[in-house]
Amino acid sequence: MQTTYSSSRILQPVRPFFIALSLIIALFLNFLPTASITWIPDWVALTLVFWSIREPRRVGMGSGFLLGLAMDVADASLLGQHALAYVVVAYLAALLSRRILWFPLSQQALHVLPLMLVGQAVQVIVRLAPGVDFPGGGYFVGPFLATVLWPPLTYVLLLPQYQPIEHDANRPI
């Protein structure tokens, strides 16, 4: 007997405004002073992976490049470090999007872990090229925390799509 994990709910189309808003909020979360702590996940990369998987025709490598340049300027890091990492992550997420969506959230998170690790590895390689010191093993803890945060993030970002088409004043949601 085969068990199915898919939801019977049909999602409404996502609004482009909500995609842009979620990416801007993720960018501001990366701008917080806590972003310098190495084990905090890269919110932009995580949100970019989510939308590259869910909406690969709307969010992709171009969005990753622009967000990466914004992060490079904000962090005063090597120009192109985040941009290259986000482009690679967005490409891989869009490439694997159809496969990832077949799995339940817990297994999707296991697919997201290598994507986030690749993003961190690209950033480390770009940093090491001009001779900057290795940031340490703690730098790679963030992707593991991002993997744990994948199910709640998915729930939060899909919440506006669950709203019913007809609004009933007697129904709270």
Foldseek 3Di string as FASTA:
>chain_A
DDDADDDPADFADDDPVLLVVQLVVLLVVCLDPCVVQQQAANSNLLSLLVCLLVPVPNGALVNQQVSQQVVCVSVVHDRCLSSVLSNQLSVVSNVCNVVLVRDPLLVSLVVQLVSSQSSLVSSQVVCPVVPDDRPDPSNSNNSVVSSVCRVVVVCVSRVVRRDDPDDDPVDPD
